[in-house]
C-alpha atoms as a PDB file:
ATOM      1  CA  UNK A   1     -14.432  12.657 109.511  1.00  0.00           C
ATOM      2  CA  UNK A   2     -12.024  10.075 108.207  1.00  0.00           C
ATOM      3  CA  UNK A   3     -13.753   9.951 104.718  1.00  0.00           C
ATOM      4  CA  UNK A   4     -13.340  13.837 104.451  1.00  0.00           C
ATOM      5  CA  UNK A   5      -9.591  13.601 105.497  1.00  0.00           C
ATOM      6  CA  UNK A   6      -9.126  10.901 102.959  1.00  0.00           C
ATOM      7  CA  UNK A   7     -10.860  13.008 100.237  1.00  0.00           C
ATOM      8  CA  UNK A   8      -8.780  15.982 101.007  1.00  0.00           C
ATOM      9  CA  UNK A   9      -5.551  14.074 100.934  1.00  0.00           C
ATOM     10  CA  UNK A  10      -6.459  12.471  97.600  1.00  0.00           C
ATOM     11  CA  UNK A  11      -7.073  15.987  96.148  1.00  0.00           C
ATOM     12  CA  UNK A  12      -3.857  17.255  97.308  1.00  0.00           C
ATOM     13  CA  UNK A  13      -1.892  14.254  96.107  1.00  0.00           C
ATOM     14  CA  UNK A  14      -3.463  13.955  92.723  1.00  0.00           C
ATOM     15  CA  UNK A  15      -3.598  17.632  91.848  1.00  0.00           C
ATOM     16  CA  UNK A  16       0.072  18.096  92.548  1.00  0.00           C
ATOM     17  CA  UNK A  17       0.936  16.089  89.329  1.00  0.00           C
ATOM     18  CA  UNK A  18       0.792  18.209  86.209  1.00  0.00           C
ATOM     19  CA  UNK A  19       0.482  15.050  83.983  1.00  0.00           C
ATOM     20  CA  UNK A  20      -2.641  14.102  85.841  1.00  0.00           C
ATOM     21  CA  UNK A  21      -4.165  17.369  85.232  1.00  0.00           C
ATOM     22  CA  UNK A  22      -3.275  17.274  81.597  1.00  0.00           C
ATOM     23  CA  UNK A  23      -5.234  14.165  81.147  1.00  0.00           C
ATOM     24  CA  UNK A  24      -8.389  14.663  83.472  1.00  0.00           C
ATOM     25  CA  UNK A  25     -10.682  17.783  83.337  1.00  0.00           C
ATOM     26  CA  UNK A  26     -11.535  17.077  86.942  1.00  0.00           C
ATOM     27  CA  UNK A  27      -7.953  17.001  88.025  1.00  0.00           C
ATOM     28  CA  UNK A  28      -7.250  20.203  85.981  1.00  0.00           C
ATOM     29  CA  UNK A  29     -10.079  21.762  87.780  1.00  0.00           C
ATOM     30  CA  UNK A  30      -8.706  20.680  91.249  1.00  0.00           C
ATOM     31  CA  UNK A  31      -5.403  22.128  90.429  1.00  0.00           C
ATOM     32  CA  UNK A  32      -7.076  25.405  89.305  1.00  0.00           C
ATOM     33  CA  UNK A  33      -8.814  25.515  92.718  1.00  0.00           C
ATOM     34  CA  UNK A  34      -5.564  25.022  94.550  1.00  0.00           C
ATOM     35  CA  UNK A  35      -3.175  27.098  92.507  1.00  0.00           C
ATOM     36  CA  UNK A  36      -5.336  29.978  91.007  1.00  0.00           C
ATOM     37  CA  UNK A  37      -8.079  30.356  93.609  1.00  0.00           C
ATOM     38  CA  UNK A  38      -6.037  29.333  96.778  1.00  0.00           C
ATOM     39  CA  UNK A  39      -8.786  26.903  98.041  1.00  0.00           C
ATOM     40  CA  UNK A  40      -8.285  23.996 100.351  1.00  0.00           C
ATOM     41  CA  UNK A  41     -10.416  20.907  99.953  1.00  0.00           C
ATOM     42  CA  UNK A  42     -10.974  20.388 103.703  1.00  0.00           C
ATOM     43  CA  UNK A  43     -12.890  23.635 103.949  1.00  0.00           C
ATOM     44  CA  UNK A  44     -16.462  23.423 104.740  1.00  0.00           C
ATOM     45  CA  UNK A  45     -17.461  26.069 102.333  1.00  0.00           C
ATOM     46  CA  UNK A  46     -20.871  26.862 100.632  1.00  0.00           C
ATOM     47  CA  UNK A  47     -21.521  29.227  97.825  1.00  0.00           C
ATOM     48  CA  UNK A  48     -21.716  32.913  98.356  1.00  0.00           C
ATOM     49  CA  UNK A  49     -25.063  34.494  97.847  1.00  0.00           C
ATOM     50  CA  UNK A  50     -25.691  37.764  96.195  1.00  0.00           C
ATOM     51  CA  UNK A  51     -27.416  40.574  97.817  1.00  0.00           C
ATOM     52  CA  UNK A  52     -30.962  41.254  96.772  1.00  0.00           C
ATOM     53  CA  UNK A  53     -29.868  44.222  94.707  1.00  0.00           C
ATOM     54  CA  UNK A  54     -27.179  42.290  93.099  1.00  0.00           C
ATOM     55  CA  UNK A  55     -29.428  39.300  92.227  1.00  0.00           C
ATOM     56  CA  UNK A  56     -31.998  41.651  90.752  1.00  0.00           C
ATOM     57  CA  UNK A  57     -29.374  43.220  88.573  1.00  0.00           C
ATOM     58  CA  UNK A  58     -28.011  39.761  87.430  1.00  0.00           C
ATOM     59  CA  UNK A  59     -31.461  38.788  86.471  1.00  0.00           C
ATOM     60  CA  UNK A  60     -32.059  42.021  84.538  1.00  0.00           C
ATOM     61  CA  UNK A  61     -28.792  41.451  82.636  1.00  0.00           C
ATOM     62  CA  UNK A  62     -29.925  38.006  81.834  1.00  0.00           C
ATOM     63  CA  UNK A  63     -33.539  38.677  80.959  1.00  0.00           C
ATOM     64  CA  UNK A  64     -33.294  37.226  77.524  1.00  0.00           C
ATOM     65  CA  UNK A  65     -31.840  34.104  78.696  1.00  0.00           C
ATOM     66  CA  UNK A  66     -34.331  33.544  81.428  1.00  0.00           C
ATOM     67  CA  UNK A  67     -37.173  34.288  79.070  1.00  0.00           C
ATOM     68  CA  UNK A  68     -35.872  31.583  76.467  1.00  0.00           C
ATOM     69  CA  UNK A  69     -35.220  29.053  79.197  1.00  0.00           C
ATOM     70  CA  UNK A  70     -38.499  29.042  81.184  1.00  0.00           C
ATOM     71  CA  UNK A  71     -40.326  26.435  79.050  1.00  0.00           C
ATOM     72  CA  UNK A  72     -37.217  24.094  79.000  1.00  0.00           C
ATOM     73  CA  UNK A  73     -36.876  24.288  82.828  1.00  0.00           C
ATOM     74  CA  UNK A  74     -40.521  23.509  83.314  1.00  0.00           C
ATOM     75  CA  UNK A  75     -40.367  20.574  80.741  1.00  0.00           C
ATOM     76  CA  UNK A  76     -37.249  19.057  82.412  1.00  0.00           C
ATOM     77  CA  UNK A  77     -38.520  19.423  86.073  1.00  0.00           C
ATOM     78  CA  UNK A  78     -41.749  17.697  84.988  1.00  0.00           C
ATOM     79  CA  UNK A  79     -39.590  14.678  84.119  1.00  0.00           C
ATOM     80  CA  UNK A  80     -37.140  14.645  86.929  1.00  0.00           C
ATOM     81  CA  UNK A  81     -38.303  16.829  89.619  1.00  0.00           C
ATOM     82  CA  UNK A  82     -40.056  14.088  91.707  1.00  0.00           C
ATOM     83  CA  UNK A  83     -36.968  12.038  91.699  1.00  0.00           C
ATOM     84  CA  UNK A  84     -35.013  14.286  94.006  1.00  0.00           C
ATOM     85  CA  UNK A  85     -33.236  16.460  91.491  1.00  0.00           C
ATOM     86  CA  UNK A  86     -32.819  20.296  91.502  1.00  0.00           C
ATOM     87  CA  UNK A  87     -32.487  22.304  88.309  1.00  0.00           C
ATOM     88  CA  UNK A  88     -30.557  25.539  88.187  1.00  0.00           C
ATOM     89  CA  UNK A  89     -30.156  28.024  85.508  1.00  0.00           C
ATOM     90  CA  UNK A  90     -27.086  30.394  85.758  1.00  0.00           C
ATOM     91  CA  UNK A  91     -25.530  33.109  83.996  1.00  0.00           C
ATOM     92  CA  UNK A  92     -21.886  33.174  82.680  1.00  0.00           C
ATOM     93  CA  UNK A  93     -20.634  33.982  86.262  1.00  0.00           C
ATOM     94  CA  UNK A  94     -22.232  30.880  87.820  1.00  0.00           C
ATOM     95  CA  UNK A  95     -25.060  32.922  89.579  1.00  0.00           C
ATOM     96  CA  UNK A  96     -28.213  30.784  89.850  1.00  0.00           C
ATOM     97  CA  UNK A  97     -30.914  32.991  88.149  1.00  0.00           C
ATOM     98  CA  UNK A  98     -33.762  30.260  88.147  1.00  0.00           C
ATOM     99  CA  UNK A  99     -34.307  27.093  90.052  1.00  0.00           C
ATOM    100  CA  UNK A 100     -36.796  24.209  89.989  1.00  0.00           C
ATOM    101  CA  UNK A 101     -37.141  21.816  92.851  1.00  0.00           C
ATOM    102  CA  UNK A 102     -39.877  19.764  94.769  1.00  0.00           C
ATOM    103  CA  UNK A 103     -40.981  21.569  98.007  1.00  0.00           C
ATOM    104  CA  UNK A 104     -40.139  18.493  99.950  1.00  0.00           C
ATOM    105  CA  UNK A 105     -36.506  18.803  98.945  1.00  0.00           C
ATOM    106  CA  UNK A 106     -36.130  22.490  99.489  1.00  0.00           C
ATOM    107  CA  UNK A 107     -34.596  22.164 102.905  1.00  0.00           C
ATOM    108  CA  UNK A 108     -31.827  19.922 101.881  1.00  0.00           C
ATOM    109  CA  UNK A 109     -31.038  21.813  98.646  1.00  0.00           C
ATOM    110  CA  UNK A 110     -31.079  25.191 100.455  1.00  0.00           C
ATOM    111  CA  UNK A 111     -28.602  23.961 102.994  1.00  0.00           C
ATOM    112  CA  UNK A 112     -26.286  22.826 100.096  1.00  0.00           C
ATOM    113  CA  UNK A 113     -26.533  26.206  98.321  1.00  0.00           C
ATOM    114  CA  UNK A 114     -28.528  24.935  95.296  1.00  0.00           C
ATOM    115  CA  UNK A 115     -30.767  28.019  95.480  1.00  0.00           C
ATOM    116  CA  UNK A 116     -31.435  31.164  93.656  1.00  0.00           C
ATOM    117  CA  UNK A 117     -28.827  33.869  94.119  1.00  0.00           C
ATOM    118  CA  UNK A 118     -25.924  31.377  94.908  1.00  0.00           C
ATOM    119  CA  UNK A 119     -22.749  31.631  92.962  1.00  0.00           C
ATOM    120  CA  UNK A 120     -21.522  28.323  91.648  1.00  0.00           C
ATOM    121  CA  UNK A 121     -18.250  29.355  90.188  1.00  0.00           C
ATOM    122  CA  UNK A 122     -15.087  27.488  90.835  1.00  0.00           C
ATOM    123  CA  UNK A 123     -13.677  30.399  92.671  1.00  0.00           C
ATOM    124  CA  UNK A 124     -16.709  30.321  94.976  1.00  0.00           C
ATOM    125  CA  UNK A 125     -17.057  26.559  95.624  1.00  0.00           C
ATOM    126  CA  UNK A 126     -14.299  24.686  93.784  1.00  0.00           C
ATOM    127  CA  UNK A 127     -14.789  22.005  91.207  1.00  0.00           C
ATOM    128  CA  UNK A 128     -18.513  21.627  90.517  1.00  0.00           C
ATOM    129  CA  UNK A 129     -20.716  21.035  87.589  1.00  0.00           C
ATOM    130  CA  UNK A 130     -21.771  24.583  86.824  1.00  0.00           C
ATOM    131  CA  UNK A 131     -18.225  26.271  87.555  1.00  0.00           C
ATOM    132  CA  UNK A 132     -16.144  23.685  85.753  1.00  0.00           C
ATOM    133  CA  UNK A 133     -18.515  23.627  82.664  1.00  0.00           C
ATOM    134  CA  UNK A 134     -18.275  27.377  82.362  1.00  0.00           C
ATOM    135  CA  UNK A 135     -14.496  27.410  82.673  1.00  0.00           C
ATOM    136  CA  UNK A 136     -14.050  24.397  80.157  1.00  0.00           C
ATOM    137  CA  UNK A 137     -16.958  25.578  78.090  1.00  0.00           C
ATOM    138  CA  UNK A 138     -18.180  22.112  77.616  1.00  0.00           C
ATOM    139  CA  UNK A 139     -20.731  19.730  79.326  1.00  0.00           C
ATOM    140  CA  UNK A 140     -19.328  18.033  82.483  1.00  0.00           C
ATOM    141  CA  UNK A 141     -20.441  15.607  85.012  1.00  0.00           C
ATOM    142  CA  UNK A 142     -18.967  16.091  88.581  1.00  0.00           C
ATOM    143  CA  UNK A 143     -19.862  12.729  90.476  1.00  0.00           C
ATOM    144  CA  UNK A 144     -19.685  12.899  94.221  1.00  0.00           C
ATOM    145  CA  UNK A 145     -15.950  12.783  95.313  1.00  0.00           C
ATOM    146  CA  UNK A 146     -14.932  14.436  92.083  1.00  0.00           C
ATOM    147  CA  UNK A 147     -16.027  17.673  93.845  1.00  0.00           C
ATOM    148  CA  UNK A 148     -13.242  19.779  95.262  1.00  0.00           C
ATOM    149  CA  UNK A 149     -14.591  20.477  98.708  1.00  0.00           C
ATOM    150  CA  UNK A 150     -15.378  17.606 101.141  1.00  0.00           C
ATOM    151  CA  UNK A 151     -18.609  19.428 101.837  1.00  0.00           C
ATOM    152  CA  UNK A 152     -19.949  18.736  98.343  1.00  0.00           C
ATOM    153  CA  UNK A 153     -19.030  15.051  97.930  1.00  0.00           C
ATOM    154  CA  UNK A 154     -22.530  14.037  98.494  1.00  0.00           C
ATOM    155  CA  UNK A 155     -23.728  15.740  95.294  1.00  0.00           C
ATOM    156  CA  UNK A 156     -23.896  14.426  91.755  1.00  0.00           C
ATOM    157  CA  UNK A 157     -24.197  17.322  89.026  1.00  0.00           C
ATOM    158  CA  UNK A 158     -24.396  17.350  85.342  1.00  0.00           C
ATOM    159  CA  UNK A 159     -24.177  20.649  83.459  1.00  0.00           C
ATOM    160  CA  UNK A 160     -24.215  21.955  80.021  1.00  0.00           C
ATOM    161  CA  UNK A 161     -22.980  25.505  79.073  1.00  0.00           C
ATOM    162  CA  UNK A 162     -25.471  27.604  76.959  1.00  0.00           C
ATOM    163  CA  UNK A 163     -24.142  29.705  74.127  1.00  0.00           C
ATOM    164  CA  UNK A 164     -25.559  32.963  72.828  1.00  0.00           C
ATOM    165  CA  UNK A 165     -26.227  33.856  69.160  1.00  0.00           C
ATOM    166  CA  UNK A 166     -22.455  34.885  68.778  1.00  0.00           C
ATOM    167  CA  UNK A 167     -21.241  31.525  70.071  1.00  0.00           C
ATOM    168  CA  UNK A 168     -19.961  32.843  73.403  1.00  0.00           C
ATOM    169  CA  UNK A 169     -21.037  31.038  76.685  1.00  0.00           C
ATOM    170  CA  UNK A 170     -23.694  33.065  78.248  1.00  0.00           C
ATOM    171  CA  UNK A 171     -24.997  30.725  81.034  1.00  0.00           C
ATOM    172  CA  UNK A 172     -25.293  27.090  82.121  1.00  0.00           C
ATOM    173  CA  UNK A 173     -28.091  24.497  82.807  1.00  0.00           C
ATOM    174  CA  UNK A 174     -27.596  22.094  85.822  1.00  0.00           C
ATOM    175  CA  UNK A 175     -29.198  19.169  87.248  1.00  0.00           C
ATOM    176  CA  UNK A 176     -28.019  18.103  90.749  1.00  0.00           C
ATOM    177  CA  UNK A 177     -29.035  15.437  93.124  1.00  0.00           C
ATOM    178  CA  UNK A 178     -27.869  14.177  96.542  1.00  0.00           C
ATOM    179  CA  UNK A 179     -29.770  10.922  96.417  1.00  0.00           C
ATOM    180  CA  UNK A 180     -27.792   7.946  97.794  1.00  0.00           C
ATOM    181  CA  UNK A 181     -29.202   5.416  95.305  1.00  0.00           C
ATOM    182  CA  UNK A 182     -28.282   7.295  92.065  1.00  0.00           C
ATOM    183  CA  UNK A 183     -25.575   5.636  90.062  1.00  0.00           C
ATOM    184  CA  UNK A 184     -23.495   6.730  87.101  1.00  0.00           C
ATOM    185  CA  UNK A 185     -25.418   4.738  84.416  1.00  0.00           C
ATOM    186  CA  UNK A 186     -28.665   6.216  85.572  1.00  0.00           C
ATOM    187  CA  UNK A 187     -27.311   9.725  85.651  1.00  0.00           C
ATOM    188  CA  UNK A 188     -26.064   9.380  82.073  1.00  0.00           C
ATOM    189  CA  UNK A 189     -29.810   9.692  80.827  1.00  0.00           C
ATOM    190  CA  UNK A 190     -30.185  12.925  82.963  1.00  0.00           C
ATOM    191  CA  UNK A 191     -26.840  14.206  81.429  1.00  0.00           C
ATOM    192  CA  UNK A 192     -28.373  13.600  77.782  1.00  0.00           C
ATOM    193  CA  UNK A 193     -31.398  15.573  78.842  1.00  0.00           C
ATOM    194  CA  UNK A 194     -29.521  18.413  80.085  1.00  0.00           C
ATOM    195  CA  UNK A 195     -27.475  18.636  76.809  1.00  0.00           C
ATOM    196  CA  UNK A 196     -30.656  18.550  74.685  1.00  0.00           C
ATOM    197  CA  UNK A 197     -32.317  21.147  76.666  1.00  0.00           C
ATOM    198  CA  UNK A 198     -29.259  23.386  76.778  1.00  0.00           C
ATOM    199  CA  UNK A 199     -29.140  23.191  72.827  1.00  0.00           C
ATOM    200  CA  UNK A 200     -32.859  24.035  72.574  1.00  0.00           C
ATOM    201  CA  UNK A 201     -32.169  27.147  74.633  1.00  0.00           C
ATOM    202  CA  UNK A 202     -29.406  28.090  72.307  1.00  0.00           C
ATOM    203  CA  UNK A 203     -31.765  27.832  69.404  1.00  0.00           C
ATOM    204  CA  UNK A 204     -34.361  30.103  71.186  1.00  0.00           C
ATOM    205  CA  UNK A 205     -31.601  32.691  71.846  1.00  0.00           C
ATOM    206  CA  UNK A 206     -30.416  32.534  68.209  1.00  0.00           C
ATOM    207  CA  UNK A 207     -33.987  33.116  66.712  1.00  0.00           C
ATOM    208  CA  UNK A 208     -34.601  35.820  69.360  1.00  0.00           C
ATOM    209  CA  UNK A 209     -31.442  37.674  68.227  1.00  0.00           C
ATOM    210  CA  UNK A 210     -32.451  37.505  64.504  1.00  0.00           C
ATOM    211  CA  UNK A 211     -36.355  38.059  64.368  1.00  0.00           C
ATOM    212  CA  UNK A 212     -37.596  37.867  60.842  1.00  0.00           C
ATOM    213  CA  UNK A 213     -34.454  36.197  59.449  1.00  0.00           C
ATOM    214  CA  UNK A 214     -34.398  33.015  57.494  1.00  0.00           C
ATOM    215  CA  UNK A 215     -32.878  30.310  59.715  1.00  0.00           C
ATOM    216  CA  UNK A 216     -30.740  27.887  57.662  1.00  0.00           C
ATOM    217  CA  UNK A 217     -29.595  24.488  59.172  1.00  0.00           C
ATOM    218  CA  UNK A 218     -25.934  23.800  58.106  1.00  0.00           C
ATOM    219  CA  UNK A 219     -24.793  20.158  57.665  1.00  0.00           C
ATOM    220  CA  UNK A 220     -21.813  19.700  59.763  1.00  0.00           C
ATOM    221  CA  UNK A 221     -19.436  16.854  61.028  1.00  0.00           C
ATOM    222  CA  UNK A 222     -20.099  17.982  64.611  1.00  0.00           C
ATOM    223  CA  UNK A 223     -22.749  15.371  65.519  1.00  0.00           C
ATOM    224  CA  UNK A 224     -25.892  16.883  67.071  1.00  0.00           C
ATOM    225  CA  UNK A 225     -24.380  20.247  67.645  1.00  0.00           C
ATOM    226  CA  UNK A 226     -26.705  23.185  66.822  1.00  0.00           C
ATOM    227  CA  UNK A 227     -25.503  24.439  63.410  1.00  0.00           C
ATOM    228  CA  UNK A 228     -27.651  27.390  62.238  1.00  0.00           C
ATOM    229  CA  UNK A 229     -27.256  30.446  60.043  1.00  0.00           C
ATOM    230  CA  UNK A 230     -29.466  33.531  60.177  1.00  0.00           C
ATOM    231  CA  UNK A 231     -29.869  34.989  56.650  1.00  0.00           C
ATOM    232  CA  UNK A 232     -31.517  38.144  55.424  1.00  0.00           C
ATOM    233  CA  UNK A 233     -33.718  38.680  52.452  1.00  0.00           C
ATOM    234  CA  UNK A 234     -30.820  39.349  50.231  1.00  0.00           C
ATOM    235  CA  UNK A 235     -29.257  35.980  51.184  1.00  0.00           C
ATOM    236  CA  UNK A 236     -26.537  37.758  53.290  1.00  0.00           C
ATOM    237  CA  UNK A 237     -25.431  35.948  56.524  1.00  0.00           C
ATOM    238  CA  UNK A 238     -26.490  37.939  59.647  1.00  0.00           C
ATOM    239  CA  UNK A 239     -25.412  35.258  62.262  1.00  0.00           C
ATOM    240  CA  UNK A 240     -24.080  31.852  62.889  1.00  0.00           C
ATOM    241  CA  UNK A 241     -24.064  29.449  65.917  1.00  0.00           C
ATOM    242  CA  UNK A 242     -20.659  28.306  67.176  1.00  0.00           C
ATOM    243  CA  UNK A 243     -21.098  24.990  65.412  1.00  0.00           C
ATOM    244  CA  UNK A 244     -21.801  26.678  62.131  1.00  0.00           C
ATOM    245  CA  UNK A 245     -18.849  29.014  62.711  1.00  0.00           C
ATOM    246  CA  UNK A 246     -16.435  26.185  63.270  1.00  0.00           C
ATOM    247  CA  UNK A 247     -17.953  24.219  60.148  1.00  0.00           C
ATOM    248  CA  UNK A 248     -17.734  27.206  57.800  1.00  0.00           C
ATOM    249  CA  UNK A 249     -14.709  29.066  59.296  1.00  0.00           C
ATOM    250  CA  UNK A 250     -16.825  32.042  60.231  1.00  0.00           C
ATOM    251  CA  UNK A 251     -16.025  34.845  62.794  1.00  0.00           C
ATOM    252  CA  UNK A 252     -17.590  38.106  63.827  1.00  0.00           C
ATOM    253  CA  UNK A 253     -15.438  40.038  61.194  1.00  0.00           C
ATOM    254  CA  UNK A 254     -16.417  37.834  58.330  1.00  0.00           C
ATOM    255  CA  UNK A 255     -20.143  37.996  59.308  1.00  0.00           C
ATOM    256  CA  UNK A 256     -19.964  41.753  59.679  1.00  0.00           C
ATOM    257  CA  UNK A 257     -18.804  42.085  55.993  1.00  0.00           C
ATOM    258  CA  UNK A 258     -21.990  40.482  54.816  1.00  0.00           C
ATOM    259  CA  UNK A 259     -21.236  37.076  53.294  1.00  0.00           C
ATOM    260  CA  UNK A 260     -23.614  35.726  50.747  1.00  0.00           C
ATOM    261  CA  UNK A 261     -25.146  32.372  52.067  1.00  0.00           C
ATOM    262  CA  UNK A 262     -24.957  30.938  48.701  1.00  0.00           C
ATOM    263  CA  UNK A 263     -21.239  31.387  48.510  1.00  0.00           C
ATOM    264  CA  UNK A 264     -20.336  29.845  51.809  1.00  0.00           C
ATOM    265  CA  UNK A 265     -22.824  26.891  51.446  1.00  0.00           C
ATOM    266  CA  UNK A 266     -21.671  26.428  47.868  1.00  0.00           C
ATOM    267  CA  UNK A 267     -25.360  26.194  46.672  1.00  0.00           C
ATOM    268  CA  UNK A 268     -27.326  28.342  44.034  1.00  0.00           C
ATOM    269  CA  UNK A 269     -30.056  30.621  45.421  1.00  0.00           C
ATOM    270  CA  UNK A 270     -33.221  30.890  43.506  1.00  0.00           C
ATOM    271  CA  UNK A 271     -35.319  34.084  44.015  1.00  0.00           C
ATOM    272  CA  UNK A 272     -38.515  32.514  42.866  1.00  0.00           C
ATOM    273  CA  UNK A 273     -41.601  34.253  43.954  1.00  0.00           C
ATOM    274  CA  UNK A 274     -39.840  37.594  44.397  1.00  0.00           C
ATOM    275  CA  UNK A 275     -40.319  40.513  41.981  1.00  0.00           C
ATOM    276  CA  UNK A 276     -37.734  41.380  39.351  1.00  0.00           C
ATOM    277  CA  UNK A 277     -36.508  44.603  41.238  1.00  0.00           C
ATOM    278  CA  UNK A 278     -36.005  42.806  44.461  1.00  0.00           C
ATOM    279  CA  UNK A 279     -34.224  39.961  42.836  1.00  0.00           C
ATOM    280  CA  UNK A 280     -31.996  42.409  41.113  1.00  0.00           C
ATOM    281  CA  UNK A 281     -31.292  44.295  44.222  1.00  0.00           C
ATOM    282  CA  UNK A 282     -30.315  41.071  46.022  1.00  0.00           C
ATOM    283  CA  UNK A 283     -27.912  40.124  43.264  1.00  0.00           C
ATOM    284  CA  UNK A 284     -26.257  43.361  43.370  1.00  0.00           C
ATOM    285  CA  UNK A 285     -25.699  43.231  46.980  1.00  0.00           C
ATOM    286  CA  UNK A 286     -24.193  39.763  46.754  1.00  0.00           C
ATOM    287  CA  UNK A 287     -21.774  40.853  43.995  1.00  0.00           C
ATOM    288  CA  UNK A 288     -20.766  43.982  46.054  1.00  0.00           C
ATOM    289  CA  UNK A 289     -20.188  41.947  49.194  1.00  0.00           C
ATOM    290  CA  UNK A 290     -17.948  39.468  47.108  1.00  0.00           C
ATOM    291  CA  UNK A 291     -15.899  42.529  45.897  1.00  0.00           C
ATOM    292  CA  UNK A 292     -15.738  44.045  49.386  1.00  0.00           C
ATOM    293  CA  UNK A 293     -17.759  47.109  47.810  1.00  0.00           C
ATOM    294  CA  UNK A 294     -15.465  47.723  44.953  1.00  0.00           C
ATOM    295  CA  UNK A 295     -17.709  49.002  42.289  1.00  0.00           C
ATOM    296  CA  UNK A 296     -15.371  48.623  39.355  1.00  0.00           C
ATOM    297  CA  UNK A 297     -14.802  45.005  40.134  1.00  0.00           C
ATOM    298  CA  UNK A 298     -18.497  44.383  40.654  1.00  0.00           C
ATOM    299  CA  UNK A 299     -19.404  45.886  37.378  1.00  0.00           C
ATOM    300  CA  UNK A 300     -16.808  43.738  35.704  1.00  0.00           C
ATOM    301  CA  UNK A 301     -18.282  40.527  37.127  1.00  0.00           C
ATOM    302  CA  UNK A 302     -21.610  41.502  36.171  1.00  0.00           C
ATOM    303  CA  UNK A 303     -20.554  42.401  32.542  1.00  0.00           C
ATOM    304  CA  UNK A 304     -21.789  46.156  32.717  1.00  0.00           C
ATOM    305  CA  UNK A 305     -20.141  49.514  32.802  1.00  0.00           C
ATOM    306  CA  UNK A 306     -19.352  51.179  35.993  1.00  0.00           C
ATOM    307  CA  UNK A 307     -21.882  54.075  35.148  1.00  0.00           C
ATOM    308  CA  UNK A 308     -24.600  51.462  34.510  1.00  0.00           C
ATOM    309  CA  UNK A 309     -23.898  49.867  37.912  1.00  0.00           C
ATOM    310  CA  UNK A 310     -24.095  53.205  39.565  1.00  0.00           C
ATOM    311  CA  UNK A 311     -27.250  53.994  38.008  1.00  0.00           C
ATOM    312  CA  UNK A 312     -28.665  50.573  39.046  1.00  0.00           C
ATOM    313  CA  UNK A 313     -27.545  51.092  42.736  1.00  0.00           C
ATOM    314  CA  UNK A 314     -29.116  54.590  42.877  1.00  0.00           C
ATOM    315  CA  UNK A 315     -32.395  53.105  41.410  1.00  0.00           C
ATOM    316  CA  UNK A 316     -32.440  50.186  43.787  1.00  0.00           C
ATOM    317  CA  UNK A 317     -31.203  51.984  46.843  1.00  0.00           C
ATOM    318  CA  UNK A 318     -28.127  49.823  47.196  1.00  0.00           C
ATOM    319  CA  UNK A 319     -25.317  51.403  49.140  1.00  0.00           C
END
């Protein structure tokens, strides 16, 4: 088809220029598809599908992600499912783990590969919402002829990556449609719904990872980004979402050391309602954390002797 030829020529011509790739995420993806994955835009390629065994293993590995996403998938599908949209939840490799779609659209979406078990990575199907969002680690919209393959140019996709409790990308949430009457302005509302749902799933995953912990909302300058800390009974930080890590300059190593939340948030913690022994135990742990376990320094900060501190540590089972 002439339109297919014209699309392929446009991809080839645009992706050759490094300057264009530097200024456009879509063109950068086109260039990756050509240079890294050795793909050709004129190919009539559909996503590869996992075997039944491979698909079962993928779902088992992502059991937590699936469990914490189910309600959000159902809620969004209730809003957009009847308008010719298909929802996909994928893992970090772009494997479609869960799908929502109206039965009347199943035939069309199945033919396009928008189905459970399909692999929507860039290496599999070139530039697309899921694969490109996973590579770039940010929300993307891939609108019709922004797709790499000519066979996907009837699709409109909007995707948001999903991060786990350590801030690493663990999956993606996508809404796709092949309706002719969809326009970019209308699709922008769908895009926001996807971003909001992905963020709620991230919150679910974070709370799942730290059951029983106190969840603290961290004020940041990152807009609506999910910025949470998980804090234990002694005010030590157990975990942080990506936005909180960026705002507070935290990493896995710093968190593993046991940072007092009051220190990094620059606020005073009040142990009201706790008994005296528990409050004293918490105070000892915070001081020892600040001195990286140096008992001599901790005793000096507390204004007591090293021997007294050792006795208190033994009494309160602080190690």
